[in-house]
Amino acid sequence: LLFDAQRDIFIGHVAKYNPLSLLDGQSV
């Protein structure tokens, strides 16, 4: 993951079948 300190956000990507793809709006 890349941390964008100005926006206080991490960005990244995963394969579309990764369970993370189903967690929009949830906490991890």
mmCIF file of all heavy atoms, coordinates in Angstrom:
data_MODEL
# 
_entry.id   MODEL 
# 
loop_
_atom_site.group_PDB 
_atom_site.id 
_atom_site.type_symbol 
_atom_site.label_atom_id 
_atom_site.label_alt_id 
_atom_site.label_comp_id 
_atom_site.label_asym_id 
_atom_site.label_entity_id 
_atom_site.label_seq_id 
_atom_site.pdbx_PDB_ins_code 
_atom_site.Cartn_x 
_atom_site.Cartn_y 
_atom_site.Cartn_z 
_atom_site.occupancy 
_atom_site.B_iso_or_equiv 
_atom_site.pdbx_formal_charge 
_atom_site.auth_seq_id 
_atom_site.auth_comp_id 
_atom_site.auth_asym_id 
_atom_site.auth_atom_id 
_atom_site.pdbx_PDB_model_num 
ATOM 1   N N   . LEU A 1 1  ? 0.834   -1.196  0.000   1.00 0.00 ? 1  LEU A N   1 
ATOM 2   C CA  . LEU A 1 1  ? 0.000   0.000   0.000   1.00 0.00 ? 1  LEU A CA  1 
ATOM 3   C C   . LEU A 1 1  ? 0.872   1.251   0.000   1.00 0.00 ? 1  LEU A C   1 
ATOM 4   O O   . LEU A 1 1  ? 1.959   1.263   0.588   1.00 0.00 ? 1  LEU A O   1 
ATOM 5   C CB  . LEU A 1 1  ? -0.919  0.027   1.222   1.00 0.00 ? 1  LEU A CB  1 
ATOM 6   C CG  . LEU A 1 1  ? -1.961  -1.092  1.324   1.00 0.00 ? 1  LEU A CG  1 
ATOM 7   C CD1 . LEU A 1 1  ? -2.716  -0.985  2.635   1.00 0.00 ? 1  LEU A CD1 1 
ATOM 8   C CD2 . LEU A 1 1  ? -2.919  -1.047  0.142   1.00 0.00 ? 1  LEU A CD2 1 
ATOM 9   N N   . LEU A 1 2  ? 0.369   2.285   -0.612  1.00 0.00 ? 2  LEU A N   1 
ATOM 10  C CA  . LEU A 1 2  ? 1.043   3.577   -0.617  1.00 0.00 ? 2  LEU A CA  1 
ATOM 11  C C   . LEU A 1 2  ? 0.223   4.541   0.232   1.00 0.00 ? 2  LEU A C   1 
ATOM 12  O O   . LEU A 1 2  ? -0.984  4.693   0.013   1.00 0.00 ? 2  LEU A O   1 
ATOM 13  C CB  . LEU A 1 2  ? 1.167   4.106   -2.053  1.00 0.00 ? 2  LEU A CB  1 
ATOM 14  C CG  . LEU A 1 2  ? 1.730   5.526   -2.208  1.00 0.00 ? 2  LEU A CG  1 
ATOM 15  C CD1 . LEU A 1 2  ? 3.145   5.620   -1.641  1.00 0.00 ? 2  LEU A CD1 1 
ATOM 16  C CD2 . LEU A 1 2  ? 1.708   5.941   -3.680  1.00 0.00 ? 2  LEU A CD2 1 
ATOM 17  N N   . PHE A 1 3  ? 0.887   5.173   1.192   1.00 0.00 ? 3  PHE A N   1 
ATOM 18  C CA  . PHE A 1 3  ? 0.196   6.126   2.064   1.00 0.00 ? 3  PHE A CA  1 
ATOM 19  C C   . PHE A 1 3  ? 0.336   7.524   1.507   1.00 0.00 ? 3  PHE A C   1 
ATOM 20  O O   . PHE A 1 3  ? 1.448   8.015   1.278   1.00 0.00 ? 3  PHE A O   1 
ATOM 21  C CB  . PHE A 1 3  ? 0.767   6.066   3.475   1.00 0.00 ? 3  PHE A CB  1 
ATOM 22  C CG  . PHE A 1 3  ? 0.102   7.033   4.418   1.00 0.00 ? 3  PHE A CG  1 
ATOM 23  C CD1 . PHE A 1 3  ? -1.260  6.964   4.664   1.00 0.00 ? 3  PHE A CD1 1 
ATOM 24  C CD2 . PHE A 1 3  ? 0.838   8.027   5.054   1.00 0.00 ? 3  PHE A CD2 1 
ATOM 25  C CE1 . PHE A 1 3  ? -1.887  7.860   5.519   1.00 0.00 ? 3  PHE A CE1 1 
ATOM 26  C CE2 . PHE A 1 3  ? 0.231   8.916   5.919   1.00 0.00 ? 3  PHE A CE2 1 
ATOM 27  C CZ  . PHE A 1 3  ? -1.140  8.838   6.146   1.00 0.00 ? 3  PHE A CZ  1 
ATOM 28  N N   . ASP A 1 4  ? -0.799  8.161   1.270   1.00 0.00 ? 4  ASP A N   1 
ATOM 29  C CA  . ASP A 1 4  ? -0.854  9.551   0.822   1.00 0.00 ? 4  ASP A CA  1 
ATOM 30  C C   . ASP A 1 4  ? -1.082  10.414  2.055   1.00 0.00 ? 4  ASP A C   1 
ATOM 31  O O   . ASP A 1 4  ? -2.207  10.538  2.542   1.00 0.00 ? 4  ASP A O   1 
ATOM 32  C CB  . ASP A 1 4  ? -1.997  9.712   -0.189  1.00 0.00 ? 4  ASP A CB  1 
ATOM 33  C CG  . ASP A 1 4  ? -2.078  11.119  -0.768  1.00 0.00 ? 4  ASP A CG  1 
ATOM 34  O OD1 . ASP A 1 4  ? -1.554  12.059  -0.142  1.00 0.00 ? 4  ASP A OD1 1 
ATOM 35  O OD2 . ASP A 1 4  ? -2.683  11.276  -1.848  1.00 0.00 ? 4  ASP A OD2 1 
ATOM 36  N N   . ALA A 1 5  ? -0.009  11.006  2.568   1.00 0.00 ? 5  ALA A N   1 
ATOM 37  C CA  . ALA A 1 5  ? -0.099  11.768  3.820   1.00 0.00 ? 5  ALA A CA  1 
ATOM 38  C C   . ALA A 1 5  ? -0.964  13.014  3.667   1.00 0.00 ? 5  ALA A C   1 
ATOM 39  O O   . ALA A 1 5  ? -1.623  13.438  4.616   1.00 0.00 ? 5  ALA A O   1 
ATOM 40  C CB  . ALA A 1 5  ? 1.301   12.143  4.296   1.00 0.00 ? 5  ALA A CB  1 
ATOM 41  N N   . GLN A 1 6  ? -0.989  13.610  2.481   1.00 0.00 ? 6  GLN A N   1 
ATOM 42  C CA  . GLN A 1 6  ? -1.778  14.821  2.284   1.00 0.00 ? 6  GLN A CA  1 
ATOM 43  C C   . GLN A 1 6  ? -3.276  14.533  2.399   1.00 0.00 ? 6  GLN A C   1 
ATOM 44  O O   . GLN A 1 6  ? -4.032  15.333  2.951   1.00 0.00 ? 6  GLN A O   1 
ATOM 45  C CB  . GLN A 1 6  ? -1.462  15.439  0.920   1.00 0.00 ? 6  GLN A CB  1 
ATOM 46  C CG  . GLN A 1 6  ? -0.069  16.049  0.841   1.00 0.00 ? 6  GLN A CG  1 
ATOM 47  C CD  . GLN A 1 6  ? 0.158   16.770  -0.473  1.00 0.00 ? 6  GLN A CD  1 
ATOM 48  O OE1 . GLN A 1 6  ? -0.492  16.500  -1.473  1.00 0.00 ? 6  GLN A OE1 1 
ATOM 49  N NE2 . GLN A 1 6  ? 1.101   17.710  -0.468  1.00 0.00 ? 6  GLN A NE2 1 
ATOM 50  N N   . ARG A 1 7  ? -3.694  13.376  1.897   1.00 0.00 ? 7  ARG A N   1 
ATOM 51  C CA  . ARG A 1 7  ? -5.116  13.018  1.958   1.00 0.00 ? 7  ARG A CA  1 
ATOM 52  C C   . ARG A 1 7  ? -5.432  12.105  3.133   1.00 0.00 ? 7  ARG A C   1 
ATOM 53  O O   . ARG A 1 7  ? -6.588  11.813  3.397   1.00 0.00 ? 7  ARG A O   1 
ATOM 54  C CB  . ARG A 1 7  ? -5.530  12.318  0.655   1.00 0.00 ? 7  ARG A CB  1 
ATOM 55  C CG  . ARG A 1 7  ? -5.418  13.177  -0.585  1.00 0.00 ? 7  ARG A CG  1 
ATOM 56  C CD  . ARG A 1 7  ? -5.798  12.369  -1.830  1.00 0.00 ? 7  ARG A CD  1 
ATOM 57  N NE  . ARG A 1 7  ? -7.164  11.859  -1.721  1.00 0.00 ? 7  ARG A NE  1 
ATOM 58  C CZ  . ARG A 1 7  ? -7.548  10.672  -2.202  1.00 0.00 ? 7  ARG A CZ  1 
ATOM 59  N NH1 . ARG A 1 7  ? -6.688  9.874   -2.803  1.00 0.00 ? 7  ARG A NH1 1 
ATOM 60  N NH2 . ARG A 1 7  ? -8.806  10.277  -2.072  1.00 0.00 ? 7  ARG A NH2 1 
ATOM 61  N N   . ASP A 1 8  ? -4.386  11.617  3.821   1.00 0.00 ? 8  ASP A N   1 
ATOM 62  C CA  . ASP A 1 8  ? -4.553  10.661  4.914   1.00 0.00 ? 8  ASP A CA  1 
ATOM 63  C C   . ASP A 1 8  ? -5.291  9.412   4.413   1.00 0.00 ? 8  ASP A C   1 
ATOM 64  O O   . ASP A 1 8  ? -6.281  8.966   5.008   1.00 0.00 ? 8  ASP A O   1 
ATOM 65  C CB  . ASP A 1 8  ? -5.300  11.293  6.089   1.00 0.00 ? 8  ASP A CB  1 
ATOM 66  C CG  . ASP A 1 8  ? -5.190  10.448  7.356   1.00 0.00 ? 8  ASP A CG  1 
ATOM 67  O OD1 . ASP A 1 8  ? -4.193  9.722   7.499   1.00 0.00 ? 8  ASP A OD1 1 
ATOM 68  O OD2 . ASP A 1 8  ? -6.108  10.514  8.191   1.00 0.00 ? 8  ASP A OD2 1 
ATOM 69  N N   . ILE A 1 9  ? -4.780  8.845   3.322   1.00 0.00 ? 9  ILE A N   1 
ATOM 70  C CA  . ILE A 1 9  ? -5.412  7.705   2.667   1.00 0.00 ? 9  ILE A CA  1 
ATOM 71  C C   . ILE A 1 9  ? -4.333  6.728   2.204   1.00 0.00 ? 9  ILE A C   1 
ATOM 72  O O   . ILE A 1 9  ? -3.260  7.132   1.748   1.00 0.00 ? 9  ILE A O   1 
ATOM 73  C CB  . ILE A 1 9  ? -6.230  8.174   1.433   1.00 0.00 ? 9  ILE A CB  1 
ATOM 74  C CG1 . ILE A 1 9  ? -7.500  8.903   1.864   1.00 0.00 ? 9  ILE A CG1 1 
ATOM 75  C CG2 . ILE A 1 9  ? -6.571  7.024   0.503   1.00 0.00 ? 9  ILE A CG2 1 
ATOM 76  C CD1 . ILE A 1 9  ? -8.589  8.015   2.401   1.00 0.00 ? 9  ILE A CD1 1 
ATOM 77  N N   . PHE A 1 10 ? -4.608  5.426   2.334   1.00 0.00 ? 10 PHE A N   1 
ATOM 78  C CA  . PHE A 1 10 ? -3.791  4.396   1.696   1.00 0.00 ? 10 PHE A CA  1 
ATOM 79  C C   . PHE A 1 10 ? -4.451  4.008   0.374   1.00 0.00 ? 10 PHE A C   1 
ATOM 80  O O   . PHE A 1 10 ? -5.685  3.939   0.285   1.00 0.00 ? 10 PHE A O   1 
ATOM 81  C CB  . PHE A 1 10 ? -3.693  3.143   2.572   1.00 0.00 ? 10 PHE A CB  1 
ATOM 82  C CG  . PHE A 1 10 ? -2.873  3.311   3.816   1.00 0.00 ? 10 PHE A CG  1 
ATOM 83  C CD1 . PHE A 1 10 ? -3.470  3.700   5.008   1.00 0.00 ? 10 PHE A CD1 1 
ATOM 84  C CD2 . PHE A 1 10 ? -1.505  3.062   3.806   1.00 0.00 ? 10 PHE A CD2 1 
ATOM 85  C CE1 . PHE A 1 10 ? -2.726  3.848   6.169   1.00 0.00 ? 10 PHE A CE1 1 
ATOM 86  C CE2 . PHE A 1 10 ? -0.747  3.205   4.963   1.00 0.00 ? 10 PHE A CE2 1 
ATOM 87  C CZ  . PHE A 1 10 ? -1.359  3.595   6.141   1.00 0.00 ? 10 PHE A CZ  1 
ATOM 88  N N   . ILE A 1 11 ? -3.638  3.734   -0.640  1.00 0.00 ? 11 ILE A N   1 
ATOM 89  C CA  . ILE A 1 11 ? -4.173  3.262   -1.915  1.00 0.00 ? 11 ILE A CA  1 
ATOM 90  C C   . ILE A 1 11 ? -3.492  1.946   -2.291  1.00 0.00 ? 11 ILE A C   1 
ATOM 91  O O   . ILE A 1 11 ? -2.338  1.689   -1.926  1.00 0.00 ? 11 ILE A O   1 
ATOM 92  C CB  . ILE A 1 11 ? -3.995  4.292   -3.045  1.00 0.00 ? 11 ILE A CB  1 
ATOM 93  C CG1 . ILE A 1 11 ? -2.508  4.636   -3.246  1.00 0.00 ? 11 ILE A CG1 1 
ATOM 94  C CG2 . ILE A 1 11 ? -4.810  5.539   -2.769  1.00 0.00 ? 11 ILE A CG2 1 
ATOM 95  C CD1 . ILE A 1 11 ? -2.260  5.549   -4.451  1.00 0.00 ? 11 ILE A CD1 1 
ATOM 96  N N   . GLY A 1 12 ? -4.240  1.112   -3.028  1.00 0.00 ? 12 GLY A N   1 
ATOM 97  C CA  . GLY A 1 12 ? -3.689  -0.163  -3.477  1.00 0.00 ? 12 GLY A CA  1 
ATOM 98  C C   . GLY A 1 12 ? -4.672  -0.860  -4.395  1.00 0.00 ? 12 GLY A C   1 
ATOM 99  O O   . GLY A 1 12 ? -5.732  -0.312  -4.739  1.00 0.00 ? 12 GLY A O   1 
ATOM 100 N N   . HIS A 1 13 ? -4.339  -2.060  -4.808  1.00 0.00 ? 13 HIS A N   1 
ATOM 101 C CA  . HIS A 1 13 ? -5.258  -2.854  -5.627  1.00 0.00 ? 13 HIS A CA  1 
ATOM 102 C C   . HIS A 1 13 ? -5.049  -4.332  -5.324  1.00 0.00 ? 13 HIS A C   1 
ATOM 103 O O   . HIS A 1 13 ? -3.983  -4.752  -4.853  1.00 0.00 ? 13 HIS A O   1 
ATOM 104 C CB  . HIS A 1 13 ? -5.074  -2.577  -7.123  1.00 0.00 ? 13 HIS A CB  1 
ATOM 105 C CG  . HIS A 1 13 ? -3.708  -2.903  -7.658  1.00 0.00 ? 13 HIS A CG  1 
ATOM 106 N ND1 . HIS A 1 13 ? -3.265  -4.190  -7.896  1.00 0.00 ? 13 HIS A ND1 1 
ATOM 107 C CD2 . HIS A 1 13 ? -2.680  -2.095  -8.009  1.00 0.00 ? 13 HIS A CD2 1 
ATOM 108 C CE1 . HIS A 1 13 ? -2.045  -4.162  -8.360  1.00 0.00 ? 13 HIS A CE1 1 
ATOM 109 N NE2 . HIS A 1 13 ? -1.656  -2.902  -8.442  1.00 0.00 ? 13 HIS A NE2 1 
ATOM 110 N N   . VAL A 1 14 ? -6.093  -5.117  -5.571  1.00 0.00 ? 14 VAL A N   1 
ATOM 111 C CA  . VAL A 1 14 ? -6.061  -6.565  -5.371  1.00 0.00 ? 14 VAL A CA  1 
ATOM 112 C C   . VAL A 1 14 ? -6.759  -7.231  -6.549  1.00 0.00 ? 14 VAL A C   1 
ATOM 113 O O   . VAL A 1 14 ? -7.460  -6.576  -7.337  1.00 0.00 ? 14 VAL A O   1 
ATOM 114 C CB  . VAL A 1 14 ? -6.769  -6.980  -4.053  1.00 0.00 ? 14 VAL A CB  1 
ATOM 115 C CG1 . VAL A 1 14 ? -6.042  -6.436  -2.850  1.00 0.00 ? 14 VAL A CG1 1 
ATOM 116 C CG2 . VAL A 1 14 ? -8.226  -6.529  -4.053  1.00 0.00 ? 14 VAL A CG2 1 
ATOM 117 N N   . ALA A 1 15 ? -6.595  -8.548  -6.673  1.00 0.00 ? 15 ALA A N   1 
ATOM 118 C CA  . ALA A 1 15 ? -7.353  -9.300  -7.661  1.00 0.00 ? 15 ALA A CA  1 
ATOM 119 C C   . ALA A 1 15 ? -8.839  -9.191  -7.348  1.00 0.00 ? 15 ALA A C   1 
ATOM 120 O O   . ALA A 1 15 ? -9.237  -9.134  -6.184  1.00 0.00 ? 15 ALA A O   1 
ATOM 121 C CB  . ALA A 1 15 ? -6.908  -10.762 -7.665  1.00 0.00 ? 15 ALA A CB  1 
ATOM 122 N N   . LYS A 1 16 ? -9.669  -9.166  -8.356  1.00 0.00 ? 16 LYS A N   1 
ATOM 123 C CA  . LYS A 1 16 ? -11.097 -8.906  -8.156  1.00 0.00 ? 16 LYS A CA  1 
ATOM 124 C C   . LYS A 1 16 ? -11.786 -10.000 -7.341  1.00 0.00 ? 16 LYS A C   1 
ATOM 125 O O   . LYS A 1 16 ? -12.840 -9.751  -6.751  1.00 0.00 ? 16 LYS A O   1 
ATOM 126 C CB  . LYS A 1 16 ? -11.805 -8.729  -9.494  1.00 0.00 ? 16 LYS A CB  1 
ATOM 127 C CG  . LYS A 1 16 ? -11.866 -9.971  -10.363 1.00 0.00 ? 16 LYS A CG  1 
ATOM 128 C CD  . LYS A 1 16 ? -12.621 -9.690  -11.653 1.00 0.00 ? 16 LYS A CD  1 
ATOM 129 C CE  . LYS A 1 16 ? -12.744 -10.927 -12.530 1.00 0.00 ? 16 LYS A CE  1 
ATOM 130 N NZ  . LYS A 1 16 ? -13.479 -10.637 -13.787 1.00 0.00 ? 16 LYS A NZ  1 
ATOM 131 N N   . TYR A 1 17 ? -11.191 -11.202 -7.271  1.00 0.00 ? 17 TYR A N   1 
ATOM 132 C CA  . TYR A 1 17 ? -11.792 -12.284 -6.482  1.00 0.00 ? 17 TYR A CA  1 
ATOM 133 C C   . TYR A 1 17 ? -11.339 -12.243 -5.029  1.00 0.00 ? 17 TYR A C   1 
ATOM 134 O O   . TYR A 1 17 ? -11.764 -13.049 -4.210  1.00 0.00 ? 17 TYR A O   1 
ATOM 135 C CB  . TYR A 1 17 ? -11.480 -13.648 -7.092  1.00 0.00 ? 17 TYR A CB  1 
ATOM 136 C CG  . TYR A 1 17 ? -10.010 -13.929 -7.276  1.00 0.00 ? 17 TYR A CG  1 
ATOM 137 C CD1 . TYR A 1 17 ? -9.210  -14.338 -6.207  1.00 0.00 ? 17 TYR A CD1 1 
ATOM 138 C CD2 . TYR A 1 17 ? -9.403  -13.780 -8.518  1.00 0.00 ? 17 TYR A CD2 1 
ATOM 139 C CE1 . TYR A 1 17 ? -7.858  -14.585 -6.368  1.00 0.00 ? 17 TYR A CE1 1 
ATOM 140 C CE2 . TYR A 1 17 ? -8.050  -14.038 -8.690  1.00 0.00 ? 17 TYR A CE2 1 
ATOM 141 C CZ  . TYR A 1 17 ? -7.281  -14.437 -7.622  1.00 0.00 ? 17 TYR A CZ  1 
ATOM 142 O OH  . TYR A 1 17 ? -5.945  -14.669 -7.793  1.00 0.00 ? 17 TYR A OH  1 
ATOM 143 N N   . ASN A 1 18 ? -10.469 -11.288 -4.661  1.00 0.00 ? 18 ASN A N   1 
ATOM 144 C CA  . ASN A 1 18 ? -10.034 -11.138 -3.277  1.00 0.00 ? 18 ASN A CA  1 
ATOM 145 C C   . ASN A 1 18 ? -11.229 -10.731 -2.413  1.00 0.00 ? 18 ASN A C   1 
ATOM 146 O O   . ASN A 1 18 ? -12.026 -9.882  -2.817  1.00 0.00 ? 18 ASN A O   1 
ATOM 147 C CB  . ASN A 1 18 ? -8.938  -10.071 -3.202  1.00 0.00 ? 18 ASN A CB  1 
ATOM 148 C CG  . ASN A 1 18 ? -8.263  -9.987  -1.850  1.00 0.00 ? 18 ASN A CG  1 
ATOM 149 O OD1 . ASN A 1 18 ? -8.902  -9.703  -0.846  1.00 0.00 ? 18 ASN A OD1 1 
ATOM 150 N ND2 . ASN A 1 18 ? -6.967  -10.216 -1.819  1.00 0.00 ? 18 ASN A ND2 1 
ATOM 151 N N   . PRO A 1 19 ? -11.391 -11.327 -1.222  1.00 0.00 ? 19 PRO A N   1 
ATOM 152 C CA  . PRO A 1 19 ? -12.531 -10.966 -0.349  1.00 0.00 ? 19 PRO A CA  1 
ATOM 153 C C   . PRO A 1 19 ? -12.630 -9.479  -0.044  1.00 0.00 ? 19 PRO A C   1 
ATOM 154 O O   . PRO A 1 19 ? -13.721 -8.971  0.244   1.00 0.00 ? 19 PRO A O   1 
ATOM 155 C CB  . PRO A 1 19 ? -12.280 -11.775 0.920   1.00 0.00 ? 19 PRO A CB  1 
ATOM 156 C CG  . PRO A 1 19 ? -11.433 -12.921 0.492   1.00 0.00 ? 19 PRO A CG  1 
ATOM 157 C CD  . PRO A 1 19 ? -10.578 -12.412 -0.636  1.00 0.00 ? 19 PRO A CD  1 
ATOM 158 N N   . LEU A 1 20 ? -11.516 -8.751  -0.118  1.00 0.00 ? 20 LEU A N   1 
ATOM 159 C CA  . LEU A 1 20 ? -11.566 -7.308  0.121   1.00 0.00 ? 20 LEU A CA  1 
ATOM 160 C C   . LEU A 1 20 ? -12.495 -6.602  -0.863  1.00 0.00 ? 20 LEU A C   1 
ATOM 161 O O   . LEU A 1 20 ? -13.059 -5.551  -0.552  1.00 0.00 ? 20 LEU A O   1 
ATOM 162 C CB  . LEU A 1 20 ? -10.162 -6.707  -0.003  1.00 0.00 ? 20 LEU A CB  1 
ATOM 163 C CG  . LEU A 1 20 ? -9.323  -6.598  1.267   1.00 0.00 ? 20 LEU A CG  1 
ATOM 164 C CD1 . LEU A 1 20 ? -7.924  -6.134  0.933   1.00 0.00 ? 20 LEU A CD1 1 
ATOM 165 C CD2 . LEU A 1 20 ? -9.976  -5.648  2.265   1.00 0.00 ? 20 LEU A CD2 1 
ATOM 166 N N   . SER A 1 21 ? -12.655 -7.183  -2.042  1.00 0.00 ? 21 SER A N   1 
ATOM 167 C CA  . SER A 1 21 ? -13.502 -6.564  -3.064  1.00 0.00 ? 21 SER A CA  1 
ATOM 168 C C   . SER A 1 21 ? -14.962 -6.490  -2.639  1.00 0.00 ? 21 SER A C   1 
ATOM 169 O O   . SER A 1 21 ? -15.752 -5.768  -3.258  1.00 0.00 ? 21 SER A O   1 
ATOM 170 C CB  . SER A 1 21 ? -13.391 -7.344  -4.377  1.00 0.00 ? 21 SER A CB  1 
ATOM 171 O OG  . SER A 1 21 ? -12.054 -7.366  -4.836  1.00 0.00 ? 21 SER A OG  1 
ATOM 172 N N   . LEU A 1 22 ? -15.318 -7.231  -1.596  1.00 0.00 ? 22 LEU A N   1 
ATOM 173 C CA  . LEU A 1 22 ? -16.705 -7.272  -1.129  1.00 0.00 ? 22 LEU A CA  1 
ATOM 174 C C   . LEU A 1 22 ? -16.929 -6.442  0.133   1.00 0.00 ? 22 LEU A C   1 
ATOM 175 O O   . LEU A 1 22 ? -18.007 -6.483  0.715   1.00 0.00 ? 22 LEU A O   1 
ATOM 176 C CB  . LEU A 1 22 ? -17.123 -8.724  -0.860  1.00 0.00 ? 22 LEU A CB  1 
ATOM 177 C CG  . LEU A 1 22 ? -16.955 -9.703  -2.027  1.00 0.00 ? 22 LEU A CG  1 
ATOM 178 C CD1 . LEU A 1 22 ? -17.284 -11.120 -1.576  1.00 0.00 ? 22 LEU A CD1 1 
ATOM 179 C CD2 . LEU A 1 22 ? -17.812 -9.296  -3.209  1.00 0.00 ? 22 LEU A CD2 1 
ATOM 180 N N   . LEU A 1 23 ? -15.907 -5.695  0.555   1.00 0.00 ? 23 LEU A N   1 
ATOM 181 C CA  . LEU A 1 23 ? -15.973 -5.016  1.850   1.00 0.00 ? 23 LEU A CA  1 
ATOM 182 C C   . LEU A 1 23 ? -16.096 -3.503  1.740   1.00 0.00 ? 23 LEU A C   1 
ATOM 183 O O   . LEU A 1 23 ? -15.670 -2.774  2.639   1.00 0.00 ? 23 LEU A O   1 
ATOM 184 C CB  . LEU A 1 23 ? -14.734 -5.376  2.682   1.00 0.00 ? 23 LEU A CB  1 
ATOM 185 C CG  . LEU A 1 23 ? -14.573 -6.855  3.042   1.00 0.00 ? 23 LEU A CG  1 
ATOM 186 C CD1 . LEU A 1 23 ? -13.329 -7.056  3.894   1.00 0.00 ? 23 LEU A CD1 1 
ATOM 187 C CD2 . LEU A 1 23 ? -15.807 -7.369  3.782   1.00 0.00 ? 23 LEU A CD2 1 
ATOM 188 N N   . ASP A 1 24 ? -16.680 -3.012  0.668   1.00 0.00 ? 24 ASP A N   1 
ATOM 189 C CA  . ASP A 1 24 ? -16.837 -1.576  0.509   1.00 0.00 ? 24 ASP A CA  1 
ATOM 190 C C   . ASP A 1 24 ? -17.602 -0.989  1.705   1.00 0.00 ? 24 ASP A C   1 
ATOM 191 O O   . ASP A 1 24 ? -18.686 -1.453  2.064   1.00 0.00 ? 24 ASP A O   1 
ATOM 192 C CB  . ASP A 1 24 ? -17.594 -1.279  -0.788  1.00 0.00 ? 24 ASP A CB  1 
ATOM 193 C CG  . ASP A 1 24 ? -17.574 0.196   -1.150  1.00 0.00 ? 24 ASP A CG  1 
ATOM 194 O OD1 . ASP A 1 24 ? -16.610 0.876   -0.774  1.00 0.00 ? 24 ASP A OD1 1 
ATOM 195 O OD2 . ASP A 1 24 ? -18.522 0.662   -1.807  1.00 0.00 ? 24 ASP A OD2 1 
ATOM 196 N N   . GLY A 1 25 ? -17.006 0.019   2.338   1.00 0.00 ? 25 GLY A N   1 
ATOM 197 C CA  . GLY A 1 25 ? -17.635 0.674   3.479   1.00 0.00 ? 25 GLY A CA  1 
ATOM 198 C C   . GLY A 1 25 ? -17.402 -0.001  4.815   1.00 0.00 ? 25 GLY A C   1 
ATOM 199 O O   . GLY A 1 25 ? -17.820 0.529   5.850   1.00 0.00 ? 25 GLY A O   1 
ATOM 200 N N   . GLN A 1 26 ? -16.737 -1.148  4.818   1.00 0.00 ? 26 GLN A N   1 
ATOM 201 C CA  . GLN A 1 26 ? -16.497 -1.855  6.075   1.00 0.00 ? 26 GLN A CA  1 
ATOM 202 C C   . GLN A 1 26 ? -15.098 -1.537  6.619   1.00 0.00 ? 26 GLN A C   1 
ATOM 203 O O   . GLN A 1 26 ? -14.254 -0.953  5.931   1.00 0.00 ? 26 GLN A O   1 
ATOM 204 C CB  . GLN A 1 26 ? -16.659 -3.366  5.873   1.00 0.00 ? 26 GLN A CB  1 
ATOM 205 C CG  . GLN A 1 26 ? -18.063 -3.774  5.458   1.00 0.00 ? 26 GLN A CG  1 
ATOM 206 C CD  . GLN A 1 26 ? -18.260 -5.276  5.502   1.00 0.00 ? 26 GLN A CD  1 
ATOM 207 O OE1 . GLN A 1 26 ? -17.877 -5.953  6.456   1.00 0.00 ? 26 GLN A OE1 1 
ATOM 208 N NE2 . GLN A 1 26 ? -18.865 -5.820  4.444   1.00 0.00 ? 26 GLN A NE2 1 
ATOM 209 N N   . SER A 1 27 ? -14.865 -1.961  7.845   1.00 0.00 ? 27 SER A N   1 
ATOM 210 C CA  . SER A 1 27 ? -13.617 -1.661  8.543   1.00 0.00 ? 27 SER A CA  1 
ATOM 211 C C   . SER A 1 27 ? -12.696 -2.881  8.549   1.00 0.00 ? 27 SER A C   1 
ATOM 212 O O   . SER A 1 27 ? -13.153 -4.016  8.734   1.00 0.00 ? 27 SER A O   1 
ATOM 213 C CB  . SER A 1 27 ? -13.911 -1.217  9.976   1.00 0.00 ? 27 SER A CB  1 
ATOM 214 O OG  . SER A 1 27 ? -12.724 -0.921  10.670  1.00 0.00 ? 27 SER A OG  1 
ATOM 215 N N   . VAL A 1 28 ? -11.408 -2.633  8.340   1.00 0.00 ? 28 VAL A N   1 
ATOM 216 C CA  . VAL A 1 28 ? -10.396 -3.689  8.401   1.00 0.00 ? 28 VAL A CA  1 
ATOM 217 C C   . VAL A 1 28 ? -9.204  -3.170  9.197   1.00 0.00 ? 28 VAL A C   1 
ATOM 218 O O   . VAL A 1 28 ? -9.094  -1.970  9.480   1.00 0.00 ? 28 VAL A O   1 
ATOM 219 C CB  . VAL A 1 28 ? -9.927  -4.118  6.988   1.00 0.00 ? 28 VAL A CB  1 
ATOM 220 C CG1 . VAL A 1 28 ? -11.083 -4.699  6.179   1.00 0.00 ? 28 VAL A CG1 1 
ATOM 221 C CG2 . VAL A 1 28 ? -9.280  -2.947  6.249   1.00 0.00 ? 28 VAL A CG2 1 
# 
